[in-house]
Amino acid sequence: LEGLLRPSDVLIAFSASGNSPNIISAVRLANQVGATVVGF
């Protein structure tokens, strides 16, 4: 997502536990960029 994700984009993240490090890392990047995050 680095350099690709824009504030106008959406990130949908699936994680049963909600704590998968690679999911959280991507979500934090999306938060920094200003993209909308939908969590499942």
Full PDB file with SEQRES, HELIX, SHEET, SSBOND, CRYST1, ORIGX, SCALE, CONECT and MASTER records, all heavy atoms in Angstrom:
SEQRES   1 A   40  LEU GLU GLY LEU LEU ARG PRO SER ASP VAL LEU ILE ALA          
SEQRES   2 A   40  PHE SER ALA SER GLY ASN SER PRO ASN ILE ILE SER ALA          
SEQRES   3 A   40  VAL ARG LEU ALA ASN GLN VAL GLY ALA THR VAL VAL GLY          
SEQRES   4 A   40  PHE                                                          
HELIX    1 AA1 PRO A   21  VAL A   33  1                                  13    
SHEET    1 AA1 2 VAL A  10  ALA A  13  0                                        
SHEET    2 AA1 2 THR A  36  GLY A  39  1                                        
CRYST1    1.000    1.000    1.000  90.00  90.00  90.00 P 1           1          
ORIGX1      1.000000  0.000000  0.000000        0.00000                         
ORIGX2      0.000000  1.000000  0.000000        0.00000                         
ORIGX3      0.000000  0.000000  1.000000        0.00000                         
SCALE1      1.000000  0.000000  0.000000        0.00000                         
SCALE2      0.000000  1.000000  0.000000        0.00000                         
SCALE3      0.000000  0.000000  1.000000        0.00000                         
ATOM      1  N   LEU A   1       0.802  -1.225   0.000  1.00  0.00           N  
ATOM      2  CA  LEU A   1       0.000   0.000   0.000  1.00  0.00           C  
ATOM      3  C   LEU A   1       0.835   1.275   0.000  1.00  0.00           C  
ATOM      4  O   LEU A   1       0.352   2.330  -0.419  1.00  0.00           O  
ATOM      5  CB  LEU A   1      -0.929   0.011   1.219  1.00  0.00           C  
ATOM      6  CG  LEU A   1      -2.029  -1.045   1.226  1.00  0.00           C  
ATOM      7  CD1 LEU A   1      -2.714  -1.086   2.591  1.00  0.00           C  
ATOM      8  CD2 LEU A   1      -3.030  -0.793   0.118  1.00  0.00           C  
ATOM      9  N   GLU A   2       2.085   1.188   0.467  1.00  0.00           N  
ATOM     10  CA  GLU A   2       2.941   2.369   0.541  1.00  0.00           C  
ATOM     11  C   GLU A   2       3.096   3.026  -0.820  1.00  0.00           C  
ATOM     12  O   GLU A   2       3.424   2.376  -1.808  1.00  0.00           O  
ATOM     13  CB  GLU A   2       4.321   1.992   1.086  1.00  0.00           C  
ATOM     14  CG  GLU A   2       4.327   1.762   2.567  1.00  0.00           C  
ATOM     15  CD  GLU A   2       5.691   1.344   3.083  1.00  0.00           C  
ATOM     16  OE1 GLU A   2       6.693   1.421   2.349  1.00  0.00           O  
ATOM     17  OE2 GLU A   2       5.749   0.908   4.251  1.00  0.00           O  
ATOM     18  N   GLY A   3       2.847   4.322  -0.861  1.00  0.00           N  
ATOM     19  CA  GLY A   3       2.978   5.074  -2.099  1.00  0.00           C  
ATOM     20  C   GLY A   3       1.833   4.854  -3.076  1.00  0.00           C  
ATOM     21  O   GLY A   3       1.775   5.498  -4.112  1.00  0.00           O  
ATOM     22  N   LEU A   4       0.937   3.947  -2.761  1.00  0.00           N  
ATOM     23  CA  LEU A   4      -0.189   3.624  -3.642  1.00  0.00           C  
ATOM     24  C   LEU A   4      -1.510   4.100  -3.050  1.00  0.00           C  
ATOM     25  O   LEU A   4      -2.364   4.641  -3.754  1.00  0.00           O  
ATOM     26  CB  LEU A   4      -0.236   2.104  -3.872  1.00  0.00           C  
ATOM     27  CG  LEU A   4      -1.348   1.538  -4.732  1.00  0.00           C  
ATOM     28  CD1 LEU A   4      -1.197   2.017  -6.175  1.00  0.00           C  
ATOM     29  CD2 LEU A   4      -1.319   0.014  -4.679  1.00  0.00           C  
ATOM     30  N   LEU A   5      -1.676   3.923  -1.748  1.00  0.00           N  
ATOM     31  CA  LEU A   5      -2.926   4.249  -1.070  1.00  0.00           C  
ATOM     32  C   LEU A   5      -3.120   5.758  -0.995  1.00  0.00           C  
ATOM     33  O   LEU A   5      -2.222   6.493  -0.601  1.00  0.00           O  
ATOM     34  CB  LEU A   5      -2.909   3.644   0.344  1.00  0.00           C  
ATOM     35  CG  LEU A   5      -4.226   3.651   1.107  1.00  0.00           C  
ATOM     36  CD1 LEU A   5      -5.249   2.738   0.430  1.00  0.00           C  
ATOM     37  CD2 LEU A   5      -3.993   3.186   2.541  1.00  0.00           C  
ATOM     38  N   ARG A   6      -4.308   6.194  -1.394  1.00  0.00           N  
ATOM     39  CA  ARG A   6      -4.657   7.624  -1.375  1.00  0.00           C  
ATOM     40  C   ARG A   6      -5.736   7.882  -0.328  1.00  0.00           C  
ATOM     41  O   ARG A   6      -6.477   6.965   0.045  1.00  0.00           O  
ATOM     42  CB  ARG A   6      -5.182   8.046  -2.749  1.00  0.00           C  
ATOM     43  CG  ARG A   6      -4.204   7.815  -3.883  1.00  0.00           C  
ATOM     44  CD  ARG A   6      -4.815   8.195  -5.212  1.00  0.00           C  
ATOM     45  NE  ARG A   6      -6.021   7.410  -5.467  1.00  0.00           N  
ATOM     46  CZ  ARG A   6      -6.383   6.960  -6.655  1.00  0.00           C  
ATOM     47  NH1 ARG A   6      -5.649   7.214  -7.722  1.00  0.00           N  
ATOM     48  NH2 ARG A   6      -7.492   6.264  -6.804  1.00  0.00           N  
ATOM     49  N   PRO A   7      -5.879   9.112   0.099  1.00  0.00           N  
ATOM     50  CA  PRO A   7      -6.926   9.435   1.078  1.00  0.00           C  
ATOM     51  C   PRO A   7      -8.330   9.063   0.589  1.00  0.00           C  
ATOM     52  O   PRO A   7      -9.208   8.773   1.387  1.00  0.00           O  
ATOM     53  CB  PRO A   7      -6.803  10.949   1.272  1.00  0.00           C  
ATOM     54  CG  PRO A   7      -5.390  11.255   0.917  1.00  0.00           C  
ATOM     55  CD  PRO A   7      -5.021  10.268  -0.175  1.00  0.00           C  
ATOM     56  N   SER A   8      -8.534   9.064  -0.701  1.00  0.00           N  
ATOM     57  CA  SER A   8      -9.855   8.753  -1.253  1.00  0.00           C  
ATOM     58  C   SER A   8     -10.144   7.251  -1.304  1.00  0.00           C  
ATOM     59  O   SER A   8     -11.267   6.850  -1.611  1.00  0.00           O  
ATOM     60  CB  SER A   8      -9.972   9.332  -2.666  1.00  0.00           C  
ATOM     61  OG  SER A   8      -8.967   8.778  -3.504  1.00  0.00           O  
ATOM     62  N   ASP A   9      -9.156   6.409  -1.004  1.00  0.00           N  
ATOM     63  CA  ASP A   9      -9.311   4.962  -1.107  1.00  0.00           C  
ATOM     64  C   ASP A   9      -9.929   4.356   0.148  1.00  0.00           C  
ATOM     65  O   ASP A   9     -10.051   5.010   1.177  1.00  0.00           O  
ATOM     66  CB  ASP A   9      -7.955   4.296  -1.377  1.00  0.00           C  
ATOM     67  CG  ASP A   9      -7.386   4.646  -2.749  1.00  0.00           C  
ATOM     68  OD1 ASP A   9      -8.172   4.953  -3.666  1.00  0.00           O  
ATOM     69  OD2 ASP A   9      -6.151   4.616  -2.888  1.00  0.00           O  
ATOM     70  N   VAL A  10     -10.284   3.086   0.025  1.00  0.00           N  
ATOM     71  CA  VAL A  10     -10.878   2.326   1.123  1.00  0.00           C  
ATOM     72  C   VAL A  10     -10.027   1.083   1.353  1.00  0.00           C  
ATOM     73  O   VAL A  10      -9.603   0.426   0.408  1.00  0.00           O  
ATOM     74  CB  VAL A  10     -12.327   1.904   0.785  1.00  0.00           C  
ATOM     75  CG1 VAL A  10     -12.911   1.003   1.867  1.00  0.00           C  
ATOM     76  CG2 VAL A  10     -13.211   3.126   0.555  1.00  0.00           C  
ATOM     77  N   LEU A  11      -9.780   0.768   2.613  1.00  0.00           N  
ATOM     78  CA  LEU A  11      -9.115  -0.468   2.989  1.00  0.00           C  
ATOM     79  C   LEU A  11     -10.114  -1.300   3.786  1.00  0.00           C  
ATOM     80  O   LEU A  11     -10.613  -0.845   4.816  1.00  0.00           O  
ATOM     81  CB  LEU A  11      -7.866  -0.203   3.830  1.00  0.00           C  
ATOM     82  CG  LEU A  11      -7.138  -1.460   4.329  1.00  0.00           C  
ATOM     83  CD1 LEU A  11      -6.566  -2.277   3.171  1.00  0.00           C  
ATOM     84  CD2 LEU A  11      -6.052  -1.082   5.322  1.00  0.00           C  
ATOM     85  N   ILE A  12     -10.425  -2.495   3.288  1.00  0.00           N  
ATOM     86  CA  ILE A  12     -11.275  -3.437   4.012  1.00  0.00           C  
ATOM     87  C   ILE A  12     -10.358  -4.494   4.594  1.00  0.00           C  
ATOM     88  O   ILE A  12      -9.603  -5.141   3.872  1.00  0.00           O  
ATOM     89  CB  ILE A  12     -12.336  -4.075   3.089  1.00  0.00           C  
ATOM     90  CG1 ILE A  12     -13.281  -2.994   2.549  1.00  0.00           C  
ATOM     91  CG2 ILE A  12     -13.105  -5.163   3.842  1.00  0.00           C  
ATOM     92  CD1 ILE A  12     -14.305  -3.509   1.552  1.00  0.00           C  
ATOM     93  N   ALA A  13     -10.408  -4.644   5.914  1.00  0.00           N  
ATOM     94  CA  ALA A  13      -9.506  -5.553   6.614  1.00  0.00           C  
ATOM     95  C   ALA A  13     -10.304  -6.620   7.355  1.00  0.00           C  
ATOM     96  O   ALA A  13     -11.163  -6.296   8.172  1.00  0.00           O  
ATOM     97  CB  ALA A  13      -8.644  -4.766   7.604  1.00  0.00           C  
ATOM     98  N   PHE A  14     -10.009  -7.881   7.046  1.00  0.00           N  
ATOM     99  CA  PHE A  14     -10.624  -9.020   7.721  1.00  0.00           C  
ATOM    100  C   PHE A  14      -9.633  -9.584   8.734  1.00  0.00           C  
ATOM    101  O   PHE A  14      -8.505  -9.921   8.373  1.00  0.00           O  
ATOM    102  CB  PHE A  14     -10.962 -10.135   6.721  1.00  0.00           C  
ATOM    103  CG  PHE A  14     -12.121  -9.834   5.820  1.00  0.00           C  
ATOM    104  CD1 PHE A  14     -11.919  -9.260   4.576  1.00  0.00           C  
ATOM    105  CD2 PHE A  14     -13.412 -10.147   6.210  1.00  0.00           C  
ATOM    106  CE1 PHE A  14     -12.986  -8.994   3.732  1.00  0.00           C  
ATOM    107  CE2 PHE A  14     -14.482  -9.887   5.382  1.00  0.00           C  
ATOM    108  CZ  PHE A  14     -14.280  -9.311   4.139  1.00  0.00           C  
ATOM    109  N   SER A  15     -10.049  -9.712   9.987  1.00  0.00           N  
ATOM    110  CA  SER A  15      -9.219 -10.340  11.010  1.00  0.00           C  
ATOM    111  C   SER A  15     -10.112 -10.834  12.133  1.00  0.00           C  
ATOM    112  O   SER A  15     -10.740 -10.016  12.823  1.00  0.00           O  
ATOM    113  CB  SER A  15      -8.185  -9.352  11.560  1.00  0.00           C  
ATOM    114  OG  SER A  15      -7.450  -9.951  12.614  1.00  0.00           O  
ATOM    115  N   ALA A  16     -10.196 -12.137  12.297  1.00  0.00           N  
ATOM    116  CA  ALA A  16     -11.046 -12.697  13.355  1.00  0.00           C  
ATOM    117  C   ALA A  16     -10.634 -12.147  14.717  1.00  0.00           C  
ATOM    118  O   ALA A  16     -11.476 -11.711  15.500  1.00  0.00           O  
ATOM    119  CB  ALA A  16     -10.991 -14.223  13.343  1.00  0.00           C  
ATOM    120  N   SER A  17      -9.334 -12.135  14.995  1.00  0.00           N  
ATOM    121  CA  SER A  17      -8.864 -11.651  16.293  1.00  0.00           C  
ATOM    122  C   SER A  17      -8.821 -10.130  16.358  1.00  0.00           C  
ATOM    123  O   SER A  17      -8.885  -9.551  17.431  1.00  0.00           O  
ATOM    124  CB  SER A  17      -7.457 -12.184  16.586  1.00  0.00           C  
ATOM    125  OG  SER A  17      -6.498 -11.545  15.755  1.00  0.00           O  
ATOM    126  N   GLY A  18      -8.660  -9.488  15.208  1.00  0.00           N  
ATOM    127  CA  GLY A  18      -8.488  -8.046  15.177  1.00  0.00           C  
ATOM    128  C   GLY A  18      -7.104  -7.600  15.605  1.00  0.00           C  
ATOM    129  O   GLY A  18      -6.852  -6.412  15.760  1.00  0.00           O  
ATOM    130  N   ASN A  19      -6.198  -8.560  15.764  1.00  0.00           N  
ATOM    131  CA  ASN A  19      -4.862  -8.235  16.260  1.00  0.00           C  
ATOM    132  C   ASN A  19      -3.726  -8.737  15.372  1.00  0.00           C  
ATOM    133  O   ASN A  19      -2.578  -8.695  15.791  1.00  0.00           O  
ATOM    134  CB  ASN A  19      -4.684  -8.808  17.677  1.00  0.00           C  
ATOM    135  CG  ASN A  19      -5.529  -8.073  18.687  1.00  0.00           C  
ATOM    136  OD1 ASN A  19      -5.595  -6.850  18.692  1.00  0.00           O  
ATOM    137  ND2 ASN A  19      -6.210  -8.828  19.534  1.00  0.00           N  
ATOM    138  N   SER A  20      -4.007  -9.205  14.186  1.00  0.00           N  
ATOM    139  CA  SER A  20      -2.946  -9.696  13.305  1.00  0.00           C  
ATOM    140  C   SER A  20      -1.987  -8.556  12.987  1.00  0.00           C  
ATOM    141  O   SER A  20      -2.409  -7.508  12.469  1.00  0.00           O  
ATOM    142  CB  SER A  20      -3.537 -10.243  12.004  1.00  0.00           C  
ATOM    143  OG  SER A  20      -4.424 -11.302  12.280  1.00  0.00           O  
ATOM    144  N   PRO A  21      -0.702  -8.726  13.290  1.00  0.00           N  
ATOM    145  CA  PRO A  21       0.248  -7.621  13.100  1.00  0.00           C  
ATOM    146  C   PRO A  21       0.286  -7.061  11.681  1.00  0.00           C  
ATOM    147  O   PRO A  21       0.395  -5.837  11.510  1.00  0.00           O  
ATOM    148  CB  PRO A  21       1.603  -8.236  13.489  1.00  0.00           C  
ATOM    149  CG  PRO A  21       1.244  -9.318  14.459  1.00  0.00           C  
ATOM    150  CD  PRO A  21      -0.065  -9.873  13.942  1.00  0.00           C  
ATOM    151  N   ASN A  22       0.178  -7.917  10.666  1.00  0.00           N  
ATOM    152  CA  ASN A  22       0.232  -7.391   9.296  1.00  0.00           C  
ATOM    153  C   ASN A  22      -1.031  -6.615   8.928  1.00  0.00           C  
ATOM    154  O   ASN A  22      -0.980  -5.674   8.145  1.00  0.00           O  
ATOM    155  CB  ASN A  22       0.534  -8.494   8.282  1.00  0.00           C  
ATOM    156  CG  ASN A  22      -0.492  -9.597   8.248  1.00  0.00           C  
ATOM    157  OD1 ASN A  22      -1.432  -9.633   9.043  1.00  0.00           O  
ATOM    158  ND2 ASN A  22      -0.309 -10.529   7.339  1.00  0.00           N  
ATOM    159  N   ILE A  23      -2.159  -6.992   9.508  1.00  0.00           N  
ATOM    160  CA  ILE A  23      -3.402  -6.252   9.285  1.00  0.00           C  
ATOM    161  C   ILE A  23      -3.310  -4.894   9.989  1.00  0.00           C  
ATOM    162  O   ILE A  23      -3.609  -3.849   9.401  1.00  0.00           O  
ATOM    163  CB  ILE A  23      -4.616  -7.055   9.812  1.00  0.00           C  
ATOM    164  CG1 ILE A  23      -4.752  -8.410   9.098  1.00  0.00           C  
ATOM    165  CG2 ILE A  23      -5.896  -6.226   9.713  1.00  0.00           C  
ATOM    166  CD1 ILE A  23      -5.077  -8.354   7.632  1.00  0.00           C  
ATOM    167  N   ILE A  24      -2.888  -4.908  11.237  1.00  0.00           N  
ATOM    168  CA  ILE A  24      -2.785  -3.665  12.015  1.00  0.00           C  
ATOM    169  C   ILE A  24      -1.782  -2.705  11.372  1.00  0.00           C  
ATOM    170  O   ILE A  24      -2.021  -1.493  11.296  1.00  0.00           O  
ATOM    171  CB  ILE A  24      -2.417  -3.965  13.482  1.00  0.00           C  
ATOM    172  CG1 ILE A  24      -3.516  -4.807  14.148  1.00  0.00           C  
ATOM    173  CG2 ILE A  24      -2.151  -2.677  14.254  1.00  0.00           C  
ATOM    174  CD1 ILE A  24      -4.913  -4.205  14.092  1.00  0.00           C  
ATOM    175  N   SER A  25      -0.681  -3.221  10.853  1.00  0.00           N  
ATOM    176  CA  SER A  25       0.314  -2.381  10.184  1.00  0.00           C  
ATOM    177  C   SER A  25      -0.301  -1.676   8.971  1.00  0.00           C  
ATOM    178  O   SER A  25      -0.105  -0.467   8.771  1.00  0.00           O  
ATOM    179  CB  SER A  25       1.512  -3.236   9.766  1.00  0.00           C  
ATOM    180  OG  SER A  25       2.468  -2.467   9.091  1.00  0.00           O  
ATOM    181  N   ALA A  26      -1.055  -2.402   8.174  1.00  0.00           N  
ATOM    182  CA  ALA A  26      -1.702  -1.815   6.992  1.00  0.00           C  
ATOM    183  C   ALA A  26      -2.780  -0.814   7.397  1.00  0.00           C  
ATOM    184  O   ALA A  26      -2.924   0.246   6.776  1.00  0.00           O  
ATOM    185  CB  ALA A  26      -2.292  -2.919   6.118  1.00  0.00           C  
ATOM    186  N   VAL A  27      -3.534  -1.133   8.434  1.00  0.00           N  
ATOM    187  CA  VAL A  27      -4.589  -0.235   8.909  1.00  0.00           C  
ATOM    188  C   VAL A  27      -3.983   1.059   9.442  1.00  0.00           C  
ATOM    189  O   VAL A  27      -4.493   2.152   9.166  1.00  0.00           O  
ATOM    190  CB  VAL A  27      -5.465  -0.939   9.970  1.00  0.00           C  
ATOM    191  CG1 VAL A  27      -6.352   0.051  10.711  1.00  0.00           C  
ATOM    192  CG2 VAL A  27      -6.308  -2.033   9.311  1.00  0.00           C  
ATOM    193  N   ARG A  28      -2.893   0.947  10.162  1.00  0.00           N  
ATOM    194  CA  ARG A  28      -2.238   2.167  10.665  1.00  0.00           C  
ATOM    195  C   ARG A  28      -1.741   3.042   9.505  1.00  0.00           C  
ATOM    196  O   ARG A  28      -1.843   4.269   9.564  1.00  0.00           O  
ATOM    197  CB  ARG A  28      -1.099   1.798  11.606  1.00  0.00           C  
ATOM    198  CG  ARG A  28      -1.614   1.364  12.967  1.00  0.00           C  
ATOM    199  CD  ARG A  28      -0.497   1.255  13.985  1.00  0.00           C  
ATOM    200  NE  ARG A  28      -1.063   1.186  15.322  1.00  0.00           N  
ATOM    201  CZ  ARG A  28      -0.736   0.280  16.223  1.00  0.00           C  
ATOM    202  NH1 ARG A  28       0.180  -0.632  15.943  1.00  0.00           N  
ATOM    203  NH2 ARG A  28      -1.292   0.286  17.402  1.00  0.00           N  
ATOM    204  N   LEU A  29      -1.221   2.415   8.468  1.00  0.00           N  
ATOM    205  CA  LEU A  29      -0.806   3.173   7.284  1.00  0.00           C  
ATOM    206  C   LEU A  29      -2.016   3.870   6.662  1.00  0.00           C  
ATOM    207  O   LEU A  29      -1.951   5.054   6.323  1.00  0.00           O  
ATOM    208  CB  LEU A  29      -0.125   2.263   6.261  1.00  0.00           C  
ATOM    209  CG  LEU A  29       0.221   2.923   4.934  1.00  0.00           C  
ATOM    210  CD1 LEU A  29       1.339   3.955   5.110  1.00  0.00           C  
ATOM    211  CD2 LEU A  29       0.617   1.890   3.903  1.00  0.00           C  
ATOM    212  N   ALA A  30      -3.115   3.148   6.537  1.00  0.00           N  
ATOM    213  CA  ALA A  30      -4.336   3.732   5.965  1.00  0.00           C  
ATOM    214  C   ALA A  30      -4.820   4.896   6.820  1.00  0.00           C  
ATOM    215  O   ALA A  30      -5.242   5.933   6.289  1.00  0.00           O  
ATOM    216  CB  ALA A  30      -5.424   2.672   5.838  1.00  0.00           C  
ATOM    217  N   ASN A  31      -4.761   4.751   8.132  1.00  0.00           N  
ATOM    218  CA  ASN A  31      -5.138   5.846   9.042  1.00  0.00           C  
ATOM    219  C   ASN A  31      -4.251   7.067   8.814  1.00  0.00           C  
ATOM    220  O   ASN A  31      -4.748   8.199   8.789  1.00  0.00           O  
ATOM    221  CB  ASN A  31      -5.046   5.405  10.502  1.00  0.00           C  
ATOM    222  CG  ASN A  31      -6.106   4.407  10.936  1.00  0.00           C  
ATOM    223  OD1 ASN A  31      -5.918   3.686  11.908  1.00  0.00           O  
ATOM    224  ND2 ASN A  31      -7.225   4.340  10.236  1.00  0.00           N  
ATOM    225  N   GLN A  32      -2.940   6.846   8.652  1.00  0.00           N  
ATOM    226  CA  GLN A  32      -2.001   7.953   8.434  1.00  0.00           C  
ATOM    227  C   GLN A  32      -2.285   8.670   7.118  1.00  0.00           C  
ATOM    228  O   GLN A  32      -2.213   9.896   7.039  1.00  0.00           O  
ATOM    229  CB  GLN A  32      -0.564   7.450   8.439  1.00  0.00           C  
ATOM    230  CG  GLN A  32      -0.069   7.015   9.788  1.00  0.00           C  
ATOM    231  CD  GLN A  32       1.277   6.290   9.710  1.00  0.00           C  
ATOM    232  OE1 GLN A  32       1.818   6.070   8.634  1.00  0.00           O  
ATOM    233  NE2 GLN A  32       1.797   5.916  10.875  1.00  0.00           N  
ATOM    234  N   VAL A  33      -2.618   7.883   6.086  1.00  0.00           N  
ATOM    235  CA  VAL A  33      -2.894   8.449   4.767  1.00  0.00           C  
ATOM    236  C   VAL A  33      -4.240   9.167   4.748  1.00  0.00           C  
ATOM    237  O   VAL A  33      -4.445  10.096   3.979  1.00  0.00           O  
ATOM    238  CB  VAL A  33      -2.847   7.322   3.694  1.00  0.00           C  
ATOM    239  CG1 VAL A  33      -3.405   7.765   2.361  1.00  0.00           C  
ATOM    240  CG2 VAL A  33      -1.429   6.797   3.538  1.00  0.00           C  
ATOM    241  N   GLY A  34      -5.165   8.714   5.588  1.00  0.00           N  
ATOM    242  CA  GLY A  34      -6.503   9.294   5.608  1.00  0.00           C  
ATOM    243  C   GLY A  34      -7.516   8.494   4.810  1.00  0.00           C  
ATOM    244  O   GLY A  34      -8.620   8.972   4.536  1.00  0.00           O  
ATOM    245  N   ALA A  35      -7.150   7.268   4.425  1.00  0.00           N  
ATOM    246  CA  ALA A  35      -8.083   6.391   3.727  1.00  0.00           C  
ATOM    247  C   ALA A  35      -9.125   5.865   4.717  1.00  0.00           C  
ATOM    248  O   ALA A  35      -8.872   5.822   5.933  1.00  0.00           O  
ATOM    249  CB  ALA A  35      -7.338   5.220   3.081  1.00  0.00           C  
ATOM    250  N   THR A  36     -10.270   5.479   4.225  1.00  0.00           N  
ATOM    251  CA  THR A  36     -11.326   4.914   5.072  1.00  0.00           C  
ATOM    252  C   THR A  36     -11.035   3.445   5.329  1.00  0.00           C  
ATOM    253  O   THR A  36     -10.738   2.697   4.397  1.00  0.00           O  
ATOM    254  CB  THR A  36     -12.696   5.060   4.393  1.00  0.00           C  
ATOM    255  OG1 THR A  36     -12.945   6.451   4.153  1.00  0.00           O  
ATOM    256  CG2 THR A  36     -13.813   4.485   5.259  1.00  0.00           C  
ATOM    257  N   VAL A  37     -11.139   3.031   6.583  1.00  0.00           N  
ATOM    258  CA  VAL A  37     -10.889   1.636   6.963  1.00  0.00           C  
ATOM    259  C   VAL A  37     -12.199   0.994   7.413  1.00  0.00           C  
ATOM    260  O   VAL A  37     -12.881   1.509   8.298  1.00  0.00           O  
ATOM    261  CB  VAL A  37      -9.852   1.532   8.101  1.00  0.00           C  
ATOM    262  CG1 VAL A  37      -9.684   0.082   8.552  1.00  0.00           C  
ATOM    263  CG2 VAL A  37      -8.514   2.120   7.653  1.00  0.00           C  
ATOM    264  N   VAL A  38     -12.529  -0.131   6.773  1.00  0.00           N  
ATOM    265  CA  VAL A  38     -13.659  -0.952   7.186  1.00  0.00           C  
ATOM    266  C   VAL A  38     -13.081  -2.219   7.782  1.00  0.00           C  
ATOM    267  O   VAL A  38     -12.343  -2.943   7.117  1.00  0.00           O  
ATOM    268  CB  VAL A  38     -14.583  -1.301   5.993  1.00  0.00           C  
ATOM    269  CG1 VAL A  38     -15.738  -2.195   6.455  1.00  0.00           C  
ATOM    270  CG2 VAL A  38     -15.112  -0.030   5.329  1.00  0.00           C  
ATOM    271  N   GLY A  39     -13.386  -2.481   9.046  1.00  0.00           N  
ATOM    272  CA  GLY A  39     -12.859  -3.650   9.731  1.00  0.00           C  
ATOM    273  C   GLY A  39     -13.918  -4.721   9.913  1.00  0.00           C  
ATOM    274  O   GLY A  39     -15.038  -4.429  10.317  1.00  0.00           O  
ATOM    275  N   PHE A  40     -13.560  -5.942   9.586  1.00  0.00           N  
ATOM    276  CA  PHE A  40     -14.403  -7.117   9.827  1.00  0.00           C  
ATOM    277  C   PHE A  40     -13.697  -7.925  10.904  1.00  0.00           C  
ATOM    278  O   PHE A  40     -12.598  -8.429  10.680  1.00  0.00           O  
ATOM    279  CB  PHE A  40     -14.520  -7.974   8.559  1.00  0.00           C  
ATOM    280  CG  PHE A  40     -15.440  -7.436   7.509  1.00  0.00           C  
ATOM    281  CD1 PHE A  40     -15.144  -6.284   6.805  1.00  0.00           C  
ATOM    282  CD2 PHE A  40     -16.612  -8.116   7.202  1.00  0.00           C  
ATOM    283  CE1 PHE A  40     -15.984  -5.800   5.823  1.00  0.00           C  
ATOM    284  CE2 PHE A  40     -17.459  -7.640   6.216  1.00  0.00           C  
ATOM    285  CZ  PHE A  40     -17.157  -6.479   5.525  1.00  0.00           C  
TER     286      PHE A  40                                                      
MASTER        0    0    0    1    2    0    0    6  285    1    0    4          
END                                                                             
